[in-house]
Amino acid sequence: MIEVDAVEAVEASVLLPSPALETSTADAVPAVQGEIAEALAERWLQYLDVSPKTSAVYNGAIRVFLRWLRERGIATPSRTDILAYRDWLKQDHAPATVSLYMTAVRLFFAWAEQEGLATDVARRVKGSRIDRGHKKDSLTSAQAARLLESVDRSSLQGLRDYAILALMVTTGLRTISVVRANVEDLGTSGDAAILRYQGKGHDERTEFVKLAPQTDAAIRAYLAARGPATPDAPLFAVVSNRHLNGRMTTRALSGMVKSRLEASGFSSPRLTAHSLRHTAATLSLLTGGTVEETQRLLGHASIETTMIYVHQIDRAASRLEEQIAGAVFGKAEGA
């Protein structure tokens, strides 16, 4: 834990102009700045009212920024430095990563100004433009059926993988929600079988998805083959001997889905575990579900996120290209 008095005794020498720093050697600036900035970063993280996972993400992001400053001997960052840092990020990072790192920088300087430590030189500095369209494809209903049919269910792993794929493609659950699910999260609501899950940004299992009879049957068949399990045991467990019945990781689950996709002939880099979520959303809308119903299915906080699917479906249904081709090639053939 960092002592607040110790931080306050030296913080001005990092973010505010300091004669002592101006007269120190070039090599000394990064060392002093790094020691103090690390203390400020930890104090800032303690101030943030966010989940441990979000705090860890911001921690990593702000330390990249502090390291960038140290390497360049920048003790008192200016707006020009912030813009230069953003441009540096853009060289090797995706737009979403740049935006995340810049969000951390903006929050850090907003806090620094609030605490009277510095002027907020990062105010209104934008991140990187993010394309709101989806970067992963979805499967058609026929392709989704082909994926499920390709799974050999004669083994425990086959039963598990089939149940996971059926769950994800019919409910749109994220990988993190699937790996977090416990046996006790299965239940009923009214006359429907359900699975309670921990939604994005939530600490408790307050949301649930309805399980189609086929999905419910697949999960029950897997659990029956797996044998007795405690209520708090993972719903989908590891089948390898080394970690038998342990909880799967999101990486392992994503890898399994990718392998199953490739085994079914779907080897596109745009098809991943997240594609199953897109598939559920797209099929929901194509089979008559409303935007509001699909929003609730996916747990989107904003309906604008769900509307992306609507726009893509409308665009795919458009016959403009065929009409243009008819006009062009029809005239060419009649010439």
C-alpha atoms as a PDB file:
ATOM      1  CA  MET A   1       0.000   0.000   0.000  1.00  0.00           C
ATOM      2  CA  ILE A   2       1.311   3.470  -0.905  1.00  0.00           C
ATOM      3  CA  GLU A   3       1.397   6.131   1.792  1.00  0.00           C
ATOM      4  CA  VAL A   4      -0.639   9.138   0.626  1.00  0.00           C
ATOM      5  CA  ASP A   5       1.644  11.643   2.375  1.00  0.00           C
ATOM      6  CA  ALA A   6       4.665  10.266   0.570  1.00  0.00           C
ATOM      7  CA  VAL A   7       2.910  10.593  -2.760  1.00  0.00           C
ATOM      8  CA  GLU A   8       1.778  14.158  -2.063  1.00  0.00           C
ATOM      9  CA  ALA A   9       5.322  15.128  -1.117  1.00  0.00           C
ATOM     10  CA  VAL A  10       6.650  14.312  -4.575  1.00  0.00           C
ATOM     11  CA  GLU A  11       3.686  14.261  -6.976  1.00  0.00           C
ATOM     12  CA  ALA A  12       4.059  17.861  -8.153  1.00  0.00           C
ATOM     13  CA  SER A  13       7.539  17.134  -9.422  1.00  0.00           C
ATOM     14  CA  VAL A  14       6.122  14.678 -11.946  1.00  0.00           C
ATOM     15  CA  LEU A  15       3.082  16.267 -13.484  1.00  0.00           C
ATOM     16  CA  LEU A  16       3.727  19.921 -12.749  1.00  0.00           C
ATOM     17  CA  PRO A  17       6.783  21.944 -13.870  1.00  0.00           C
ATOM     18  CA  SER A  18       9.618  21.654 -11.380  1.00  0.00           C
ATOM     19  CA  PRO A  19      12.925  23.583 -11.287  1.00  0.00           C
ATOM     20  CA  ALA A  20      14.545  20.549  -9.683  1.00  0.00           C
ATOM     21  CA  LEU A  21      13.671  18.391 -12.654  1.00  0.00           C
ATOM     22  CA  GLU A  22      14.698  21.056 -15.128  1.00  0.00           C
ATOM     23  CA  THR A  23      18.214  21.116 -13.705  1.00  0.00           C
ATOM     24  CA  SER A  24      18.569  17.331 -13.265  1.00  0.00           C
ATOM     25  CA  THR A  25      20.408  15.229 -15.829  1.00  0.00           C
ATOM     26  CA  ALA A  26      18.541  13.642 -18.703  1.00  0.00           C
ATOM     27  CA  ASP A  27      19.207  10.172 -17.298  1.00  0.00           C
ATOM     28  CA  ALA A  28      17.825  11.072 -13.881  1.00  0.00           C
ATOM     29  CA  VAL A  29      14.442  12.250 -15.127  1.00  0.00           C
ATOM     30  CA  PRO A  30      13.040   8.853 -16.152  1.00  0.00           C
ATOM     31  CA  ALA A  31      14.185   7.194 -12.912  1.00  0.00           C
ATOM     32  CA  VAL A  32      12.590   9.811 -10.647  1.00  0.00           C
ATOM     33  CA  GLN A  33       9.510  10.106 -12.789  1.00  0.00           C
ATOM     34  CA  GLY A  34       9.030   6.355 -12.966  1.00  0.00           C
ATOM     35  CA  GLU A  35       9.183   5.897  -9.199  1.00  0.00           C
ATOM     36  CA  ILE A  36       6.662   8.657  -8.527  1.00  0.00           C
ATOM     37  CA  ALA A  37       4.378   7.931 -11.461  1.00  0.00           C
ATOM     38  CA  GLU A  38       3.999   4.315 -10.377  1.00  0.00           C
ATOM     39  CA  ALA A  39       2.785   5.570  -6.986  1.00  0.00           C
ATOM     40  CA  LEU A  40       0.327   7.937  -8.641  1.00  0.00           C
ATOM     41  CA  ALA A  41      -0.948   5.182 -10.914  1.00  0.00           C
ATOM     42  CA  GLU A  42      -1.661   2.937  -7.952  1.00  0.00           C
ATOM     43  CA  ARG A  43      -3.430   5.770  -6.128  1.00  0.00           C
ATOM     44  CA  TRP A  44      -5.532   6.433  -9.232  1.00  0.00           C
ATOM     45  CA  LEU A  45      -6.474   2.757  -9.525  1.00  0.00           C
ATOM     46  CA  GLN A  46      -7.587   2.755  -5.908  1.00  0.00           C
ATOM     47  CA  TYR A  47      -9.797   5.749  -6.684  1.00  0.00           C
ATOM     48  CA  LEU A  48     -11.578   4.087  -9.618  1.00  0.00           C
ATOM     49  CA  ASP A  49     -14.888   2.433  -8.753  1.00  0.00           C
ATOM     50  CA  VAL A  50     -14.621  -0.465 -11.182  1.00  0.00           C
ATOM     51  CA  SER A  51     -14.537  -4.241 -11.078  1.00  0.00           C
ATOM     52  CA  PRO A  52     -11.212  -6.011 -10.387  1.00  0.00           C
ATOM     53  CA  LYS A  53     -11.073  -7.150 -14.020  1.00  0.00           C
ATOM     54  CA  THR A  54     -11.569  -3.609 -15.341  1.00  0.00           C
ATOM     55  CA  SER A  55      -9.031  -2.300 -12.859  1.00  0.00           C
ATOM     56  CA  ALA A  56      -6.489  -4.829 -14.122  1.00  0.00           C
ATOM     57  CA  VAL A  57      -7.119  -3.739 -17.717  1.00  0.00           C
ATOM     58  CA  TYR A  58      -6.676  -0.045 -16.842  1.00  0.00           C
ATOM     59  CA  ASN A  59      -3.600  -0.894 -14.799  1.00  0.00           C
ATOM     60  CA  GLY A  60      -1.954  -2.511 -17.795  1.00  0.00           C
ATOM     61  CA  ALA A  61      -3.004   0.327 -20.103  1.00  0.00           C
ATOM     62  CA  ILE A  62      -1.728   3.178 -17.923  1.00  0.00           C
ATOM     63  CA  ARG A  63       1.613   1.448 -17.326  1.00  0.00           C
ATOM     64  CA  VAL A  64       2.177   1.236 -21.078  1.00  0.00           C
ATOM     65  CA  PHE A  65       1.716   5.016 -21.155  1.00  0.00           C
ATOM     66  CA  LEU A  66       4.055   5.591 -18.203  1.00  0.00           C
ATOM     67  CA  ARG A  67       6.716   3.386 -19.763  1.00  0.00           C
ATOM     68  CA  TRP A  68       6.380   5.349 -23.024  1.00  0.00           C
ATOM     69  CA  LEU A  69       6.973   8.582 -21.070  1.00  0.00           C
ATOM     70  CA  ARG A  70       9.985   7.162 -19.243  1.00  0.00           C
ATOM     71  CA  GLU A  71      11.625   5.944 -22.423  1.00  0.00           C
ATOM     72  CA  ARG A  72      11.403   9.458 -23.842  1.00  0.00           C
ATOM     73  CA  GLY A  73      12.387  11.310 -20.679  1.00  0.00           C
ATOM     74  CA  ILE A  74       9.050  13.163 -20.506  1.00  0.00           C
ATOM     75  CA  ALA A  75       8.427  14.338 -16.942  1.00  0.00           C
ATOM     76  CA  THR A  76       5.627  16.844 -17.628  1.00  0.00           C
ATOM     77  CA  PRO A  77       3.406  15.562 -20.449  1.00  0.00           C
ATOM     78  CA  SER A  78       1.759  18.110 -22.727  1.00  0.00           C
ATOM     79  CA  ARG A  79      -1.190  17.722 -25.075  1.00  0.00           C
ATOM     80  CA  THR A  80       1.303  17.298 -27.906  1.00  0.00           C
ATOM     81  CA  ASP A  81       2.824  14.349 -26.052  1.00  0.00           C
ATOM     82  CA  ILE A  82      -0.619  12.767 -25.614  1.00  0.00           C
ATOM     83  CA  LEU A  83      -1.278  13.054 -29.344  1.00  0.00           C
ATOM     84  CA  ALA A  84       2.166  11.610 -30.103  1.00  0.00           C
ATOM     85  CA  TYR A  85       1.453   8.689 -27.780  1.00  0.00           C
ATOM     86  CA  ARG A  86      -1.828   8.005 -29.574  1.00  0.00           C
ATOM     87  CA  ASP A  87      -0.063   8.049 -32.940  1.00  0.00           C
ATOM     88  CA  TRP A  88       2.560   5.653 -31.565  1.00  0.00           C
ATOM     89  CA  LEU A  89      -0.182   3.256 -30.430  1.00  0.00           C
ATOM     90  CA  LYS A  90      -1.795   3.327 -33.856  1.00  0.00           C
ATOM     91  CA  GLN A  91       1.350   1.925 -35.450  1.00  0.00           C
ATOM     92  CA  ASP A  92       1.013  -1.536 -33.939  1.00  0.00           C
ATOM     93  CA  HIS A  93      -2.381  -1.745 -32.230  1.00  0.00           C
ATOM     94  CA  ALA A  94      -5.943  -2.313 -33.370  1.00  0.00           C
ATOM     95  CA  PRO A  95      -8.382   0.639 -33.123  1.00  0.00           C
ATOM     96  CA  ALA A  96     -10.189  -0.951 -30.166  1.00  0.00           C
ATOM     97  CA  THR A  97      -6.915  -1.296 -28.245  1.00  0.00           C
ATOM     98  CA  VAL A  98      -5.911   2.283 -29.028  1.00  0.00           C
ATOM     99  CA  SER A  99      -9.287   3.530 -27.773  1.00  0.00           C
ATOM    100  CA  LEU A 100      -8.963   1.484 -24.582  1.00  0.00           C
ATOM    101  CA  TYR A 101      -5.461   2.774 -23.841  1.00  0.00           C
ATOM    102  CA  MET A 102      -6.500   6.357 -24.541  1.00  0.00           C
ATOM    103  CA  THR A 103      -9.522   5.989 -22.266  1.00  0.00           C
ATOM    104  CA  ALA A 104      -7.151   5.052 -19.449  1.00  0.00           C
ATOM    105  CA  VAL A 105      -4.985   8.114 -20.176  1.00  0.00           C
ATOM    106  CA  ARG A 106      -8.022  10.443 -20.215  1.00  0.00           C
ATOM    107  CA  LEU A 107      -9.344   9.043 -16.940  1.00  0.00           C
ATOM    108  CA  PHE A 108      -5.911   9.345 -15.356  1.00  0.00           C
ATOM    109  CA  PHE A 109      -5.478  13.012 -16.263  1.00  0.00           C
ATOM    110  CA  ALA A 110      -9.081  13.872 -15.385  1.00  0.00           C
ATOM    111  CA  TRP A 111      -8.379  12.449 -11.915  1.00  0.00           C
ATOM    112  CA  ALA A 112      -5.030  14.288 -11.720  1.00  0.00           C
ATOM    113  CA  GLU A 113      -6.732  17.605 -12.441  1.00  0.00           C
ATOM    114  CA  GLN A 114      -9.487  16.839  -9.934  1.00  0.00           C
ATOM    115  CA  GLU A 115      -6.833  16.191  -7.312  1.00  0.00           C
ATOM    116  CA  GLY A 116      -5.034  19.430  -8.181  1.00  0.00           C
ATOM    117  CA  LEU A 117      -1.990  17.630  -9.540  1.00  0.00           C
ATOM    118  CA  ALA A 118      -1.996  18.745 -13.153  1.00  0.00           C
ATOM    119  CA  THR A 119      -3.931  20.297 -15.996  1.00  0.00           C
ATOM    120  CA  ASP A 120      -5.983  17.750 -17.889  1.00  0.00           C
ATOM    121  CA  VAL A 121      -3.953  17.759 -21.114  1.00  0.00           C
ATOM    122  CA  ALA A 122      -5.775  14.647 -22.367  1.00  0.00           C
ATOM    123  CA  ARG A 123      -9.246  16.199 -22.313  1.00  0.00           C
ATOM    124  CA  ARG A 124     -11.146  15.604 -25.560  1.00  0.00           C
ATOM    125  CA  VAL A 125      -8.262  13.702 -27.143  1.00  0.00           C
ATOM    126  CA  LYS A 126     -10.016  10.986 -29.104  1.00  0.00           C
ATOM    127  CA  GLY A 127      -8.942   7.400 -29.353  1.00  0.00           C
ATOM    128  CA  SER A 128      -9.137   5.646 -32.697  1.00  0.00           C
ATOM    129  CA  ARG A 129     -12.146   5.314 -34.942  1.00  0.00           C
ATOM    130  CA  ILE A 130     -13.758   1.919 -34.426  1.00  0.00           C
ATOM    131  CA  ASP A 131     -15.849   0.343 -37.145  1.00  0.00           C
ATOM    132  CA  ARG A 132     -19.173  -0.459 -35.525  1.00  0.00           C
ATOM    133  CA  GLY A 133     -19.797  -3.305 -37.938  1.00  0.00           C
ATOM    134  CA  HIS A 134     -19.015  -6.836 -36.873  1.00  0.00           C
ATOM    135  CA  LYS A 135     -15.577  -8.229 -37.622  1.00  0.00           C
ATOM    136  CA  LYS A 136     -16.800 -11.813 -37.299  1.00  0.00           C
ATOM    137  CA  ASP A 137     -19.238 -13.606 -39.561  1.00  0.00           C
ATOM    138  CA  SER A 138     -22.272 -15.600 -38.554  1.00  0.00           C
ATOM    139  CA  LEU A 139     -23.430 -19.001 -39.755  1.00  0.00           C
ATOM    140  CA  THR A 140     -26.562 -19.635 -41.759  1.00  0.00           C
ATOM    141  CA  SER A 141     -29.157 -21.929 -40.208  1.00  0.00           C
ATOM    142  CA  ALA A 142     -28.010 -24.727 -42.531  1.00  0.00           C
ATOM    143  CA  GLN A 143     -24.374 -24.170 -41.571  1.00  0.00           C
ATOM    144  CA  ALA A 144     -25.231 -24.163 -37.865  1.00  0.00           C
ATOM    145  CA  ALA A 145     -27.070 -27.466 -38.308  1.00  0.00           C
ATOM    146  CA  ARG A 146     -24.067 -28.870 -40.188  1.00  0.00           C
ATOM    147  CA  LEU A 147     -21.745 -27.823 -37.359  1.00  0.00           C
ATOM    148  CA  LEU A 148     -23.851 -29.633 -34.777  1.00  0.00           C
ATOM    149  CA  GLU A 149     -24.317 -32.720 -36.927  1.00  0.00           C
ATOM    150  CA  SER A 150     -20.550 -33.030 -37.355  1.00  0.00           C
ATOM    151  CA  VAL A 151     -19.960 -33.701 -33.645  1.00  0.00           C
ATOM    152  CA  ASP A 152     -19.475 -37.369 -32.751  1.00  0.00           C
ATOM    153  CA  ARG A 153     -21.386 -37.811 -29.505  1.00  0.00           C
ATOM    154  CA  SER A 154     -20.117 -41.292 -28.702  1.00  0.00           C
ATOM    155  CA  SER A 155     -17.588 -39.886 -26.193  1.00  0.00           C
ATOM    156  CA  LEU A 156     -17.881 -37.657 -23.133  1.00  0.00           C
ATOM    157  CA  GLN A 157     -15.993 -34.899 -24.926  1.00  0.00           C
ATOM    158  CA  GLY A 158     -18.329 -35.168 -27.895  1.00  0.00           C
ATOM    159  CA  LEU A 159     -21.382 -34.909 -25.647  1.00  0.00           C
ATOM    160  CA  ARG A 160     -19.891 -31.870 -23.896  1.00  0.00           C
ATOM    161  CA  ASP A 161     -18.860 -30.092 -27.075  1.00  0.00           C
ATOM    162  CA  TYR A 162     -22.236 -30.707 -28.712  1.00  0.00           C
ATOM    163  CA  ALA A 163     -24.040 -29.321 -25.653  1.00  0.00           C
ATOM    164  CA  ILE A 164     -21.824 -26.214 -25.616  1.00  0.00           C
ATOM    165  CA  LEU A 165     -22.293 -25.550 -29.330  1.00  0.00           C
ATOM    166  CA  ALA A 166     -26.058 -26.040 -29.086  1.00  0.00           C
ATOM    167  CA  LEU A 167     -26.212 -23.691 -26.109  1.00  0.00           C
ATOM    168  CA  MET A 168     -24.158 -20.944 -27.723  1.00  0.00           C
ATOM    169  CA  VAL A 169     -25.819 -21.048 -31.125  1.00  0.00           C
ATOM    170  CA  THR A 170     -29.370 -20.974 -29.694  1.00  0.00           C
ATOM    171  CA  THR A 171     -28.877 -18.480 -26.859  1.00  0.00           C
ATOM    172  CA  GLY A 172     -26.008 -16.257 -27.993  1.00  0.00           C
ATOM    173  CA  LEU A 173     -24.189 -16.579 -24.661  1.00  0.00           C
ATOM    174  CA  ARG A 174     -20.655 -15.217 -24.510  1.00  0.00           C
ATOM    175  CA  THR A 175     -17.786 -17.611 -23.864  1.00  0.00           C
ATOM    176  CA  ILE A 176     -17.169 -16.071 -20.428  1.00  0.00           C
ATOM    177  CA  SER A 177     -20.776 -16.751 -19.402  1.00  0.00           C
ATOM    178  CA  VAL A 178     -20.526 -20.359 -20.569  1.00  0.00           C
ATOM    179  CA  VAL A 179     -17.329 -21.144 -18.647  1.00  0.00           C
ATOM    180  CA  ARG A 180     -18.655 -19.419 -15.515  1.00  0.00           C
ATOM    181  CA  ALA A 181     -21.863 -21.469 -15.488  1.00  0.00           C
ATOM    182  CA  ASN A 182     -22.305 -23.971 -12.674  1.00  0.00           C
ATOM    183  CA  VAL A 183     -24.498 -27.061 -12.490  1.00  0.00           C
ATOM    184  CA  GLU A 184     -26.752 -25.254 -10.009  1.00  0.00           C
ATOM    185  CA  ASP A 185     -27.458 -22.526 -12.570  1.00  0.00           C
ATOM    186  CA  LEU A 186     -29.783 -24.862 -14.435  1.00  0.00           C
ATOM    187  CA  GLY A 187     -33.399 -24.340 -13.453  1.00  0.00           C
ATOM    188  CA  THR A 188     -36.890 -23.558 -14.622  1.00  0.00           C
ATOM    189  CA  SER A 189     -39.007 -20.463 -15.081  1.00  0.00           C
ATOM    190  CA  GLY A 190     -42.674 -21.105 -15.642  1.00  0.00           C
ATOM    191  CA  ASP A 191     -42.776 -24.044 -18.029  1.00  0.00           C
ATOM    192  CA  ALA A 192     -39.352 -23.403 -19.538  1.00  0.00           C
ATOM    193  CA  ALA A 193     -35.927 -24.828 -18.766  1.00  0.00           C
ATOM    194  CA  ILE A 194     -33.439 -22.020 -18.159  1.00  0.00           C
ATOM    195  CA  LEU A 195     -29.782 -21.336 -17.448  1.00  0.00           C
ATOM    196  CA  ARG A 196     -28.938 -18.470 -15.138  1.00  0.00           C
ATOM    197  CA  TYR A 197     -25.750 -16.644 -16.024  1.00  0.00           C
ATOM    198  CA  GLN A 198     -23.554 -13.780 -14.928  1.00  0.00           C
ATOM    199  CA  GLY A 199     -24.038 -11.011 -17.447  1.00  0.00           C
ATOM    200  CA  LYS A 200     -21.343  -8.686 -18.716  1.00  0.00           C
ATOM    201  CA  GLY A 201     -20.517  -6.109 -16.046  1.00  0.00           C
ATOM    202  CA  HIS A 202     -22.538  -7.930 -13.368  1.00  0.00           C
ATOM    203  CA  ASP A 203     -21.274  -9.583 -10.198  1.00  0.00           C
ATOM    204  CA  GLU A 204     -24.228 -11.952  -9.714  1.00  0.00           C
ATOM    205  CA  ARG A 205     -26.216 -14.382 -11.843  1.00  0.00           C
ATOM    206  CA  THR A 206     -29.246 -12.153 -12.314  1.00  0.00           C
ATOM    207  CA  GLU A 207     -29.930 -12.969 -15.977  1.00  0.00           C
ATOM    208  CA  PHE A 208     -31.133 -16.162 -17.624  1.00  0.00           C
ATOM    209  CA  VAL A 209     -31.654 -17.670 -21.055  1.00  0.00           C
ATOM    210  CA  LYS A 210     -34.364 -20.142 -21.974  1.00  0.00           C
ATOM    211  CA  LEU A 211     -33.125 -23.520 -23.132  1.00  0.00           C
ATOM    212  CA  ALA A 212     -34.758 -25.025 -26.201  1.00  0.00           C
ATOM    213  CA  PRO A 213     -35.836 -28.634 -25.569  1.00  0.00           C
ATOM    214  CA  GLN A 214     -33.030 -29.885 -27.833  1.00  0.00           C
ATOM    215  CA  THR A 215     -30.414 -27.812 -25.994  1.00  0.00           C
ATOM    216  CA  ASP A 216     -31.709 -28.843 -22.581  1.00  0.00           C
ATOM    217  CA  ALA A 217     -31.651 -32.497 -23.643  1.00  0.00           C
ATOM    218  CA  ALA A 218     -28.071 -32.155 -24.908  1.00  0.00           C
ATOM    219  CA  ILE A 219     -26.891 -30.669 -21.617  1.00  0.00           C
ATOM    220  CA  ARG A 220     -28.705 -33.317 -19.578  1.00  0.00           C
ATOM    221  CA  ALA A 221     -27.232 -36.119 -21.713  1.00  0.00           C
ATOM    222  CA  TYR A 222     -23.736 -34.759 -21.124  1.00  0.00           C
ATOM    223  CA  LEU A 223     -24.264 -34.397 -17.360  1.00  0.00           C
ATOM    224  CA  ALA A 224     -25.685 -37.923 -17.108  1.00  0.00           C
ATOM    225  CA  ALA A 225     -22.620 -39.339 -18.873  1.00  0.00           C
ATOM    226  CA  ARG A 226     -20.282 -37.240 -16.746  1.00  0.00           C
ATOM    227  CA  GLY A 227     -21.642 -38.566 -13.473  1.00  0.00           C
ATOM    228  CA  PRO A 228     -22.413 -36.967 -10.084  1.00  0.00           C
ATOM    229  CA  ALA A 229     -21.334 -33.360  -9.592  1.00  0.00           C
ATOM    230  CA  THR A 230     -21.739 -30.872  -6.774  1.00  0.00           C
ATOM    231  CA  PRO A 231     -24.063 -27.880  -7.350  1.00  0.00           C
ATOM    232  CA  ASP A 232     -21.136 -25.464  -7.565  1.00  0.00           C
ATOM    233  CA  ALA A 233     -19.223 -27.632 -10.024  1.00  0.00           C
ATOM    234  CA  PRO A 234     -18.691 -26.153 -13.501  1.00  0.00           C
ATOM    235  CA  LEU A 235     -21.518 -26.961 -15.879  1.00  0.00           C
ATOM    236  CA  PHE A 236     -18.996 -27.770 -18.607  1.00  0.00           C
ATOM    237  CA  ALA A 237     -15.852 -29.387 -17.275  1.00  0.00           C
ATOM    238  CA  VAL A 238     -12.419 -30.325 -18.576  1.00  0.00           C
ATOM    239  CA  VAL A 239     -12.277 -33.916 -19.858  1.00  0.00           C
ATOM    240  CA  SER A 240      -8.493 -34.383 -19.943  1.00  0.00           C
ATOM    241  CA  ASN A 241      -6.924 -36.438 -17.157  1.00  0.00           C
ATOM    242  CA  ARG A 242      -4.655 -33.632 -15.956  1.00  0.00           C
ATOM    243  CA  HIS A 243      -7.478 -31.262 -15.011  1.00  0.00           C
ATOM    244  CA  LEU A 244     -10.407 -33.682 -15.104  1.00  0.00           C
ATOM    245  CA  ASN A 245     -13.704 -32.022 -14.097  1.00  0.00           C
ATOM    246  CA  GLY A 246     -11.986 -28.667 -13.619  1.00  0.00           C
ATOM    247  CA  ARG A 247     -13.432 -25.465 -15.059  1.00  0.00           C
ATOM    248  CA  MET A 248     -12.706 -24.720 -18.701  1.00  0.00           C
ATOM    249  CA  THR A 249     -10.988 -21.460 -19.601  1.00  0.00           C
ATOM    250  CA  THR A 250     -12.379 -19.081 -22.209  1.00  0.00           C
ATOM    251  CA  ARG A 251      -9.284 -19.795 -24.282  1.00  0.00           C
ATOM    252  CA  ALA A 252      -9.909 -23.537 -24.180  1.00  0.00           C
ATOM    253  CA  LEU A 253     -13.575 -23.109 -25.044  1.00  0.00           C
ATOM    254  CA  SER A 254     -12.781 -20.738 -27.930  1.00  0.00           C
ATOM    255  CA  GLY A 255     -10.181 -23.200 -29.192  1.00  0.00           C
ATOM    256  CA  MET A 256     -12.683 -26.048 -29.072  1.00  0.00           C
ATOM    257  CA  VAL A 257     -15.271 -24.075 -31.055  1.00  0.00           C
ATOM    258  CA  LYS A 258     -12.671 -23.048 -33.631  1.00  0.00           C
ATOM    259  CA  SER A 259     -11.557 -26.658 -34.038  1.00  0.00           C
ATOM    260  CA  ARG A 260     -15.132 -27.822 -34.482  1.00  0.00           C
ATOM    261  CA  LEU A 261     -15.767 -25.105 -37.063  1.00  0.00           C
ATOM    262  CA  GLU A 262     -12.698 -26.083 -39.052  1.00  0.00           C
ATOM    263  CA  ALA A 263     -13.599 -29.779 -38.859  1.00  0.00           C
ATOM    264  CA  SER A 264     -16.955 -28.866 -40.401  1.00  0.00           C
ATOM    265  CA  GLY A 265     -15.282 -27.060 -43.273  1.00  0.00           C
ATOM    266  CA  PHE A 266     -15.601 -23.529 -41.877  1.00  0.00           C
ATOM    267  CA  SER A 267     -11.979 -22.395 -41.718  1.00  0.00           C
ATOM    268  CA  SER A 268     -12.430 -18.656 -42.286  1.00  0.00           C
ATOM    269  CA  PRO A 269     -10.540 -16.394 -39.834  1.00  0.00           C
ATOM    270  CA  ARG A 270     -13.813 -14.469 -39.527  1.00  0.00           C
ATOM    271  CA  LEU A 271     -15.492 -17.490 -37.945  1.00  0.00           C
ATOM    272  CA  THR A 272     -14.734 -17.924 -34.244  1.00  0.00           C
ATOM    273  CA  ALA A 273     -16.543 -18.746 -31.024  1.00  0.00           C
ATOM    274  CA  HIS A 274     -18.038 -15.238 -31.081  1.00  0.00           C
ATOM    275  CA  SER A 275     -19.578 -16.070 -34.455  1.00  0.00           C
ATOM    276  CA  LEU A 276     -22.039 -18.330 -32.637  1.00  0.00           C
ATOM    277  CA  ARG A 277     -23.325 -15.278 -30.761  1.00  0.00           C
ATOM    278  CA  HIS A 278     -23.727 -13.445 -34.064  1.00  0.00           C
ATOM    279  CA  THR A 279     -25.506 -16.497 -35.445  1.00  0.00           C
ATOM    280  CA  ALA A 280     -28.041 -16.525 -32.612  1.00  0.00           C
ATOM    281  CA  ALA A 281     -28.736 -12.819 -33.077  1.00  0.00           C
ATOM    282  CA  THR A 282     -29.085 -13.036 -36.839  1.00  0.00           C
ATOM    283  CA  LEU A 283     -31.350 -16.091 -36.753  1.00  0.00           C
ATOM    284  CA  SER A 284     -33.446 -14.474 -34.024  1.00  0.00           C
ATOM    285  CA  LEU A 285     -34.221 -11.547 -36.305  1.00  0.00           C
ATOM    286  CA  LEU A 286     -34.633 -13.665 -39.455  1.00  0.00           C
ATOM    287  CA  THR A 287     -37.141 -15.973 -37.760  1.00  0.00           C
ATOM    288  CA  GLY A 288     -39.392 -13.170 -36.564  1.00  0.00           C
ATOM    289  CA  GLY A 289     -37.838 -11.960 -33.332  1.00  0.00           C
ATOM    290  CA  THR A 290     -38.124  -8.231 -32.724  1.00  0.00           C
ATOM    291  CA  VAL A 291     -35.142  -5.983 -32.146  1.00  0.00           C
ATOM    292  CA  GLU A 292     -36.206  -5.590 -28.502  1.00  0.00           C
ATOM    293  CA  GLU A 293     -36.451  -9.356 -28.015  1.00  0.00           C
ATOM    294  CA  THR A 294     -33.051  -9.874 -29.598  1.00  0.00           C
ATOM    295  CA  GLN A 295     -31.601  -7.128 -27.421  1.00  0.00           C
ATOM    296  CA  ARG A 296     -32.839  -8.953 -24.311  1.00  0.00           C
ATOM    297  CA  LEU A 297     -31.550 -12.285 -25.642  1.00  0.00           C
ATOM    298  CA  LEU A 298     -28.040 -10.892 -26.082  1.00  0.00           C
ATOM    299  CA  GLY A 299     -28.091  -8.697 -22.975  1.00  0.00           C
ATOM    300  CA  HIS A 300     -27.157  -5.573 -24.909  1.00  0.00           C
ATOM    301  CA  ALA A 301     -27.234  -2.435 -22.762  1.00  0.00           C
ATOM    302  CA  SER A 302     -27.993  -0.300 -25.826  1.00  0.00           C
ATOM    303  CA  ILE A 303     -30.432  -1.188 -28.582  1.00  0.00           C
ATOM    304  CA  GLU A 304     -28.075   0.548 -31.009  1.00  0.00           C
ATOM    305  CA  THR A 305     -25.709  -2.410 -30.659  1.00  0.00           C
ATOM    306  CA  THR A 306     -28.508  -4.781 -31.648  1.00  0.00           C
ATOM    307  CA  MET A 307     -29.446  -2.565 -34.581  1.00  0.00           C
ATOM    308  CA  ILE A 308     -26.103  -3.413 -36.207  1.00  0.00           C
ATOM    309  CA  TYR A 309     -27.539  -6.857 -36.946  1.00  0.00           C
ATOM    310  CA  VAL A 310     -30.646  -5.319 -38.493  1.00  0.00           C
ATOM    311  CA  HIS A 311     -28.572  -3.131 -40.802  1.00  0.00           C
ATOM    312  CA  GLN A 312     -26.468  -6.097 -41.903  1.00  0.00           C
ATOM    313  CA  ILE A 313     -29.533  -8.245 -42.594  1.00  0.00           C
ATOM    314  CA  ASP A 314     -31.144  -5.428 -44.588  1.00  0.00           C
ATOM    315  CA  ARG A 315     -27.950  -4.967 -46.560  1.00  0.00           C
ATOM    316  CA  ALA A 316     -27.663  -8.695 -47.305  1.00  0.00           C
ATOM    317  CA  ALA A 317     -31.296  -8.783 -48.450  1.00  0.00           C
ATOM    318  CA  SER A 318     -30.777  -5.914 -50.866  1.00  0.00           C
ATOM    319  CA  ARG A 319     -30.835  -6.831 -54.570  1.00  0.00           C
ATOM    320  CA  LEU A 320     -29.072  -3.674 -55.703  1.00  0.00           C
ATOM    321  CA  GLU A 321     -26.031  -5.491 -57.062  1.00  0.00           C
ATOM    322  CA  GLU A 322     -28.215  -7.854 -59.104  1.00  0.00           C
ATOM    323  CA  GLN A 323     -30.243  -4.929 -60.440  1.00  0.00           C
ATOM    324  CA  ILE A 324     -27.105  -3.023 -61.422  1.00  0.00           C
ATOM    325  CA  ALA A 325     -25.623  -6.142 -63.041  1.00  0.00           C
ATOM    326  CA  GLY A 326     -28.861  -6.655 -64.958  1.00  0.00           C
ATOM    327  CA  ALA A 327     -28.713  -3.103 -66.259  1.00  0.00           C
ATOM    328  CA  VAL A 328     -25.051  -3.386 -67.270  1.00  0.00           C
ATOM    329  CA  PHE A 329     -24.845  -6.899 -68.657  1.00  0.00           C
ATOM    330  CA  GLY A 330     -28.326  -6.805 -70.126  1.00  0.00           C
ATOM    331  CA  LYS A 331     -27.363  -3.872 -72.334  1.00  0.00           C
ATOM    332  CA  ALA A 332     -24.000  -5.428 -73.180  1.00  0.00           C
ATOM    333  CA  GLU A 333     -25.640  -8.653 -74.312  1.00  0.00           C
ATOM    334  CA  GLY A 334     -28.237  -6.788 -76.350  1.00  0.00           C
ATOM    335  CA  ALA A 335     -25.696  -4.603 -78.123  1.00  0.00           C
END
